[in-house]
Amino acid sequence: KLLGSWTTQIGQQDQVVHMFMHENGYETYEKTYRHGRNDPGLSKVLQAMDKLLAKRYNHLCQEFGFWGDVKPRSGGNIYELRTYHLKPGSLLEWAQHWAKGINYRKDYNEPVCGLFTQIGELYTVHHIWSYKDLPTRSEARESAWGQPGWDECVMHTVPLIRHMDSDILTP
């Protein structure tokens, strides 16, 4: 099930991000993969597409339970994809702090989803946030600093990060 497709407005240029949900997890992924591998039409499309791509990668991710379900958004929004590459062994600690921290970011209805890798580059976390525009993003982020407890979430999670990226995406 396609949850969203975006192109990068600010950040890694010429990037397209697609997010799919495999409702029965690995079983559905395997079935989809086998079907696609044996579909001659899809093979032709992929061969043509390969000539246009510089690189491509996939992550198989799981949602953080505390984040909530992905809900459709009205049109016209921008999306921020924040990717955190964590220190090995720190995912559980990250999740414990964010289970509280997400509550400080809900006032603007901006949280879309929070995922962590199961296969791919491990200890990678993806957060997707929705905003009306860049000024609204700035206002929402500043508002979080005014809420007691947000500073603790940041204080405890920043030391767990090896590297992080932020891209602004458009649907």
C-alpha atoms as a PDB file:
ATOM      1  CA  LYS A   1       0.000   0.000   0.000  1.00  0.00           C
ATOM      2  CA  LEU A   2       1.517   3.312  -1.072  1.00  0.00           C
ATOM      3  CA  LEU A   3       1.563   5.746   1.875  1.00  0.00           C
ATOM      4  CA  GLY A   4       3.305   8.585   0.094  1.00  0.00           C
ATOM      5  CA  SER A   5       5.639   9.721  -2.674  1.00  0.00           C
ATOM      6  CA  TRP A   6       7.708  12.877  -2.486  1.00  0.00           C
ATOM      7  CA  THR A   7      10.467  14.742  -4.302  1.00  0.00           C
ATOM      8  CA  THR A   8      13.123  16.788  -2.558  1.00  0.00           C
ATOM      9  CA  GLN A   9      12.733  20.544  -2.528  1.00  0.00           C
ATOM     10  CA  ILE A  10      15.595  21.257  -0.093  1.00  0.00           C
ATOM     11  CA  GLY A  11      18.313  18.728   0.721  1.00  0.00           C
ATOM     12  CA  GLN A  12      19.489  15.745  -1.340  1.00  0.00           C
ATOM     13  CA  GLN A  13      18.536  16.977  -4.831  1.00  0.00           C
ATOM     14  CA  ASP A  14      16.973  14.770  -7.510  1.00  0.00           C
ATOM     15  CA  GLN A  15      15.746  12.414  -4.817  1.00  0.00           C
ATOM     16  CA  VAL A  16      12.391  10.688  -4.841  1.00  0.00           C
ATOM     17  CA  VAL A  17      11.075   9.025  -1.686  1.00  0.00           C
ATOM     18  CA  HIS A  18       8.330   6.399  -1.795  1.00  0.00           C
ATOM     19  CA  MET A  19       6.854   4.876   1.343  1.00  0.00           C
ATOM     20  CA  PHE A  20       4.955   1.601   1.175  1.00  0.00           C
ATOM     21  CA  MET A  21       3.297  -0.370   3.936  1.00  0.00           C
ATOM     22  CA  HIS A  22       3.384  -4.149   3.741  1.00  0.00           C
ATOM     23  CA  GLU A  23       0.385  -4.955   5.909  1.00  0.00           C
ATOM     24  CA  ASN A  24       1.536  -8.487   6.768  1.00  0.00           C
ATOM     25  CA  GLY A  25       5.165  -7.505   7.141  1.00  0.00           C
ATOM     26  CA  TYR A  26       7.860  -9.657   5.597  1.00  0.00           C
ATOM     27  CA  GLU A  27       5.336 -12.118   4.162  1.00  0.00           C
ATOM     28  CA  THR A  28       3.680  -9.401   2.045  1.00  0.00           C
ATOM     29  CA  TYR A  29       7.059  -7.942   1.097  1.00  0.00           C
ATOM     30  CA  GLU A  30       8.281 -11.342  -0.135  1.00  0.00           C
ATOM     31  CA  LYS A  31       5.110 -11.903  -2.149  1.00  0.00           C
ATOM     32  CA  THR A  32       5.358  -8.446  -3.748  1.00  0.00           C
ATOM     33  CA  TYR A  33       9.059  -8.905  -4.497  1.00  0.00           C
ATOM     34  CA  ARG A  34       8.534 -12.320  -6.133  1.00  0.00           C
ATOM     35  CA  HIS A  35       5.602 -11.001  -8.172  1.00  0.00           C
ATOM     36  CA  GLY A  36       7.615  -8.007  -9.385  1.00  0.00           C
ATOM     37  CA  ARG A  37      10.645 -10.109 -10.262  1.00  0.00           C
ATOM     38  CA  ASN A  38       8.497 -12.339 -12.476  1.00  0.00           C
ATOM     39  CA  ASP A  39       6.531  -9.535 -14.175  1.00  0.00           C
ATOM     40  CA  PRO A  40       7.992  -8.877 -17.665  1.00  0.00           C
ATOM     41  CA  GLY A  41       6.336  -5.440 -17.897  1.00  0.00           C
ATOM     42  CA  LEU A  42       7.812  -4.306 -14.603  1.00  0.00           C
ATOM     43  CA  SER A  43      11.236  -5.666 -15.624  1.00  0.00           C
ATOM     44  CA  LYS A  44      11.177  -3.417 -18.727  1.00  0.00           C
ATOM     45  CA  VAL A  45      10.207  -0.383 -16.658  1.00  0.00           C
ATOM     46  CA  LEU A  46      12.993  -1.071 -14.129  1.00  0.00           C
ATOM     47  CA  GLN A  47      15.586  -1.522 -16.878  1.00  0.00           C
ATOM     48  CA  ALA A  48      14.606   1.805 -18.433  1.00  0.00           C
ATOM     49  CA  MET A  49      14.602   3.494 -15.024  1.00  0.00           C
ATOM     50  CA  ASP A  50      18.037   2.112 -14.115  1.00  0.00           C
ATOM     51  CA  LYS A  51      19.574   4.210 -16.916  1.00  0.00           C
ATOM     52  CA  LEU A  52      18.273   7.371 -15.240  1.00  0.00           C
ATOM     53  CA  LEU A  53      19.287   6.655 -11.641  1.00  0.00           C
ATOM     54  CA  ALA A  54      22.523   7.538  -9.884  1.00  0.00           C
ATOM     55  CA  LYS A  55      21.699   5.363  -6.872  1.00  0.00           C
ATOM     56  CA  ARG A  56      18.791   3.640  -5.246  1.00  0.00           C
ATOM     57  CA  TYR A  57      18.327   2.034  -1.850  1.00  0.00           C
ATOM     58  CA  ASN A  58      15.619   0.473   0.262  1.00  0.00           C
ATOM     59  CA  HIS A  59      15.072   0.191   3.968  1.00  0.00           C
ATOM     60  CA  LEU A  60      12.636  -2.208   5.532  1.00  0.00           C
ATOM     61  CA  CYS A  61      11.363  -0.344   8.557  1.00  0.00           C
ATOM     62  CA  GLN A  62       9.025  -0.786  11.461  1.00  0.00           C
ATOM     63  CA  GLU A  63       6.880   1.945  12.969  1.00  0.00           C
ATOM     64  CA  PHE A  64       7.467   3.115  16.503  1.00  0.00           C
ATOM     65  CA  GLY A  65       4.372   2.061  18.454  1.00  0.00           C
ATOM     66  CA  PHE A  66       4.129   5.363  20.332  1.00  0.00           C
ATOM     67  CA  TRP A  67       4.017   7.461  17.150  1.00  0.00           C
ATOM     68  CA  GLY A  68       0.504   6.522  16.043  1.00  0.00           C
ATOM     69  CA  ASP A  69      -0.852   5.446  12.684  1.00  0.00           C
ATOM     70  CA  VAL A  70      -0.057   7.273   9.471  1.00  0.00           C
ATOM     71  CA  LYS A  71      -3.063   9.434   8.581  1.00  0.00           C
ATOM     72  CA  PRO A  72      -3.780  11.073   5.210  1.00  0.00           C
ATOM     73  CA  ARG A  73      -3.037  14.797   5.054  1.00  0.00           C
ATOM     74  CA  SER A  74      -4.774  17.506   3.071  1.00  0.00           C
ATOM     75  CA  GLY A  75      -2.930  18.816   0.021  1.00  0.00           C
ATOM     76  CA  GLY A  76      -0.508  21.677  -0.185  1.00  0.00           C
ATOM     77  CA  ASN A  77       1.778  20.661   2.680  1.00  0.00           C
ATOM     78  CA  ILE A  78       5.513  20.292   2.740  1.00  0.00           C
ATOM     79  CA  TYR A  79       7.090  17.346   4.546  1.00  0.00           C
ATOM     80  CA  GLU A  80      10.326  17.148   6.450  1.00  0.00           C
ATOM     81  CA  LEU A  81      12.184  13.863   6.361  1.00  0.00           C
ATOM     82  CA  ARG A  82      14.597  13.795   9.274  1.00  0.00           C
ATOM     83  CA  THR A  83      16.963  10.847   9.231  1.00  0.00           C
ATOM     84  CA  TYR A  84      19.026   9.997  12.285  1.00  0.00           C
ATOM     85  CA  HIS A  85      21.910   7.542  12.093  1.00  0.00           C
ATOM     86  CA  LEU A  86      22.273   6.353  15.673  1.00  0.00           C
ATOM     87  CA  LYS A  87      25.144   4.779  17.529  1.00  0.00           C
ATOM     88  CA  PRO A  88      24.823   0.965  17.528  1.00  0.00           C
ATOM     89  CA  GLY A  89      22.910  -0.270  20.560  1.00  0.00           C
ATOM     90  CA  SER A  90      21.123   3.029  21.230  1.00  0.00           C
ATOM     91  CA  LEU A  91      17.745   2.437  19.538  1.00  0.00           C
ATOM     92  CA  LEU A  92      15.881   1.373  22.680  1.00  0.00           C
ATOM     93  CA  GLU A  93      17.123   4.410  24.609  1.00  0.00           C
ATOM     94  CA  TRP A  94      16.148   6.632  21.655  1.00  0.00           C
ATOM     95  CA  ALA A  95      12.641   5.147  21.610  1.00  0.00           C
ATOM     96  CA  GLN A  96      12.176   5.597  25.357  1.00  0.00           C
ATOM     97  CA  HIS A  97      12.967   9.313  25.156  1.00  0.00           C
ATOM     98  CA  TRP A  98      10.909   9.899  22.004  1.00  0.00           C
ATOM     99  CA  ALA A  99       7.898   8.088  23.458  1.00  0.00           C
ATOM    100  CA  LYS A 100       7.682  11.102  25.786  1.00  0.00           C
ATOM    101  CA  GLY A 101       9.110  13.688  23.374  1.00  0.00           C
ATOM    102  CA  ILE A 102       6.528  13.145  20.641  1.00  0.00           C
ATOM    103  CA  ASN A 103       3.884  14.598  22.962  1.00  0.00           C
ATOM    104  CA  TYR A 104       5.614  17.986  22.809  1.00  0.00           C
ATOM    105  CA  ARG A 105       5.304  18.049  19.007  1.00  0.00           C
ATOM    106  CA  LYS A 106       1.608  17.238  18.515  1.00  0.00           C
ATOM    107  CA  ASP A 107       0.128  20.728  18.930  1.00  0.00           C
ATOM    108  CA  TYR A 108       0.629  21.567  15.277  1.00  0.00           C
ATOM    109  CA  ASN A 109      -0.518  18.115  14.048  1.00  0.00           C
ATOM    110  CA  GLU A 110       2.823  17.782  12.320  1.00  0.00           C
ATOM    111  CA  PRO A 111       3.952  14.200  13.181  1.00  0.00           C
ATOM    112  CA  VAL A 112       3.338  11.875  10.215  1.00  0.00           C
ATOM    113  CA  CYS A 113       5.375   8.806  11.100  1.00  0.00           C
ATOM    114  CA  GLY A 114       8.392   7.538  12.984  1.00  0.00           C
ATOM    115  CA  LEU A 115      10.216   4.471  11.676  1.00  0.00           C
ATOM    116  CA  PHE A 116      13.355   2.510  12.425  1.00  0.00           C
ATOM    117  CA  THR A 117      15.238   0.157  10.140  1.00  0.00           C
ATOM    118  CA  GLN A 118      14.945  -3.582  10.442  1.00  0.00           C
ATOM    119  CA  ILE A 119      16.918  -4.314   7.255  1.00  0.00           C
ATOM    120  CA  GLY A 120      19.198  -1.858   5.491  1.00  0.00           C
ATOM    121  CA  GLU A 121      21.424   0.589   7.341  1.00  0.00           C
ATOM    122  CA  LEU A 122      20.698  -0.484  10.905  1.00  0.00           C
ATOM    123  CA  TYR A 123      20.198   1.998  13.747  1.00  0.00           C
ATOM    124  CA  THR A 124      18.617   4.431  11.297  1.00  0.00           C
ATOM    125  CA  VAL A 125      15.512   6.344  12.355  1.00  0.00           C
ATOM    126  CA  HIS A 126      13.254   8.274   9.986  1.00  0.00           C
ATOM    127  CA  HIS A 127      10.805  10.911  11.209  1.00  0.00           C
ATOM    128  CA  ILE A 128       8.392  12.520   8.756  1.00  0.00           C
ATOM    129  CA  TRP A 129       6.725  15.779   9.747  1.00  0.00           C
ATOM    130  CA  SER A 130       4.035  17.729   7.876  1.00  0.00           C
ATOM    131  CA  TYR A 131       3.819  21.524   7.737  1.00  0.00           C
ATOM    132  CA  LYS A 132       1.785  24.063   5.796  1.00  0.00           C
ATOM    133  CA  ASP A 133       5.007  25.825   4.758  1.00  0.00           C
ATOM    134  CA  LEU A 134       8.510  26.707   6.013  1.00  0.00           C
ATOM    135  CA  PRO A 135       7.349  29.555   8.322  1.00  0.00           C
ATOM    136  CA  THR A 136       4.885  27.126   9.977  1.00  0.00           C
ATOM    137  CA  ARG A 137       7.719  24.608  10.375  1.00  0.00           C
ATOM    138  CA  SER A 138       9.819  27.249  12.115  1.00  0.00           C
ATOM    139  CA  GLU A 139       6.932  28.247  14.384  1.00  0.00           C
ATOM    140  CA  ALA A 140       6.167  24.625  15.336  1.00  0.00           C
ATOM    141  CA  ARG A 141       9.789  23.847  16.129  1.00  0.00           C
ATOM    142  CA  GLU A 142      10.162  27.015  18.233  1.00  0.00           C
ATOM    143  CA  SER A 143       6.920  26.219  20.059  1.00  0.00           C
ATOM    144  CA  ALA A 144       8.284  22.839  21.160  1.00  0.00           C
ATOM    145  CA  TRP A 145      11.160  24.599  22.976  1.00  0.00           C
ATOM    146  CA  GLY A 146       8.619  26.468  25.068  1.00  0.00           C
ATOM    147  CA  GLN A 147       7.160  23.258  26.476  1.00  0.00           C
ATOM    148  CA  PRO A 148       8.736  21.834  29.634  1.00  0.00           C
ATOM    149  CA  GLY A 149      10.272  18.448  28.873  1.00  0.00           C
ATOM    150  CA  TRP A 150      11.196  18.992  25.211  1.00  0.00           C
ATOM    151  CA  ASP A 151      14.674  20.152  26.198  1.00  0.00           C
ATOM    152  CA  GLU A 152      15.161  16.871  28.110  1.00  0.00           C
ATOM    153  CA  CYS A 153      14.189  14.811  25.075  1.00  0.00           C
ATOM    154  CA  VAL A 154      16.755  16.683  22.967  1.00  0.00           C
ATOM    155  CA  MET A 155      19.395  16.557  25.712  1.00  0.00           C
ATOM    156  CA  HIS A 156      19.100  12.757  25.996  1.00  0.00           C
ATOM    157  CA  THR A 157      18.798  11.910  22.295  1.00  0.00           C
ATOM    158  CA  VAL A 158      21.409  14.155  20.657  1.00  0.00           C
ATOM    159  CA  PRO A 159      24.344  12.190  22.196  1.00  0.00           C
ATOM    160  CA  LEU A 160      22.928   9.021  20.567  1.00  0.00           C
ATOM    161  CA  ILE A 161      23.253  10.449  17.037  1.00  0.00           C
ATOM    162  CA  ARG A 162      26.234   9.727  14.768  1.00  0.00           C
ATOM    163  CA  HIS A 163      24.870  11.743  11.844  1.00  0.00           C
ATOM    164  CA  MET A 164      21.562  13.343  10.852  1.00  0.00           C
ATOM    165  CA  ASP A 165      19.929  14.740   7.726  1.00  0.00           C
ATOM    166  CA  SER A 166      16.913  16.940   7.075  1.00  0.00           C
ATOM    167  CA  ASP A 167      15.213  17.136   3.678  1.00  0.00           C
ATOM    168  CA  ILE A 168      12.142  19.178   2.764  1.00  0.00           C
ATOM    169  CA  LEU A 169       9.880  17.137   0.489  1.00  0.00           C
ATOM    170  CA  THR A 170       6.877  17.947  -1.669  1.00  0.00           C
ATOM    171  CA  PRO A 171       4.216  15.380  -2.569  1.00  0.00           C
END
